[in-house]
Amino acid sequence: SSSSSSSSSSSSSSSSSSNVINNINLDDDSLDCKNWIRVRNAPSQDELLTLTANNQTTNLKKLVTKYPNNPMDPTNRVAKIKRAREYQRQQLRQDKMLWGESSSNHWRSDDDDDDDDQSVIGVLDLDLFAYPSSVSEVVDTAVRYVLPSIVVDDSSISNATAAGSTSTGAASGSTKFHAVCANGLQISRGKRGYYDTFATILLPNTWLHRHSDRMMTAAMEGGEGGEGGAALLLEGENVTLASMSQRQMLQWFLMEGRKQQYDVAKMRRGGDNGDGSIGTEASAGEDIGIIDNIVPVRSCFNGFTLYRADVFFGSKCRYDSYSKKDELYMSKREMHTCEHVVFHECLRRVMMYDNGGDNFRMAVKTDLLTLWHLLN
């Protein structure tokens, strides 16, 4: 089960440090969230199957029902989730068109009603134990890292680590992301770990899902790890990171976010650059590559993700789409690829083709936490 909400911010309203966005005071305790919630009856599984079948570019009706990763499978758990998420996205697209005409609830910028990239939509799962506690923290994340035209007069926003590093690597020159996920904390049997391994792929191509549940119908020749590990690793996958436990994954994300801040602090002091050379103290206003607890990734979700509205509501990608390429990230137990991976991989392919190589950019905000708690 999941729910989605949206927030819209204009450049004029975000330049102030006050927690007031589009005349809404986020610190006002009387702000009633019930006014922003719409509840609908869920459609039947037959209705969802029909909607998915009517929007497939691949003729899946000719495939055997139990064909791996088939979103038309009527009984598979992940296939049902794919259809439900896409139905929800389509409903929100319709609401977007209606709400855009309302004077009280804007999706778009007040300055330009035709500019959808001035809005952010938050996709939120309802089966989590806890969510980010501060609304202003969520809005600040959207303004600083997602809204493309909002330039905050603060040195905490800058380029992601250059492409090709072990852990991060957003496109050089990019200061914003198309989507930012929370950092998922899982507590199971008293042990802490990273939550959403099924949906998370590090850059350039390291899937965090456990090896024992990887389907890997076709071995990737030349994968790291030698002959014994070639069938378990993706092309370009980092064997050390792919082998982390969930506890190690959580520690890794937290350390990556802090490491970038530490590296920038050294540059400000004119300290070493990590390669034996001595850095020079940055001049005022100089772009020195600060990323505030942000780790660029290829895919993630963690129960809460902020998307740029024009990207999320695009017509070329769906949660219930089918591509044989997605089978590389398929679970042996589920016989499906995570719906978030399907959606994000499609966005990568579409944006690289449409934008001449300008890739889909996504990141985990390591200090924006969600909590999944196994009560037993």
Foldseek 3Di string as FASTA:
>chain_A
DWDKFKDFADQVQPQDPQCAGPNDRQPDPPPDCVVRDDDDDDDDLVVLLVVLCVPAPDNCVPPDLLQFAALNNSPFPLSSVQSRVQVNLVVVLVVQVVQLPDPPHHQYDPVDSVDLLRMKMKMFGDQFPFFQPGPSVVVVCCQQARRQVHDHPDLQFFFADDAPDPFAHAHPPDRHAQKEAEFEWEADPNDIFGDCQLWFATPPGQRQPAQVFQPQPDFDPPFPDPPVCRSRGDVPYDPVNNHDDRRVVLVVLQCVQVVLVVQVVCLLVQADNVPPDTHHHDDPPDNPNRHHSKGKGQTDYNRMMMGRRCLSSDDQFGLNYDDPVQSSSATNVSSHRRSRNRRSVSQQVVCCVVVVHNGRIYIYRSVRYTYHYDPD
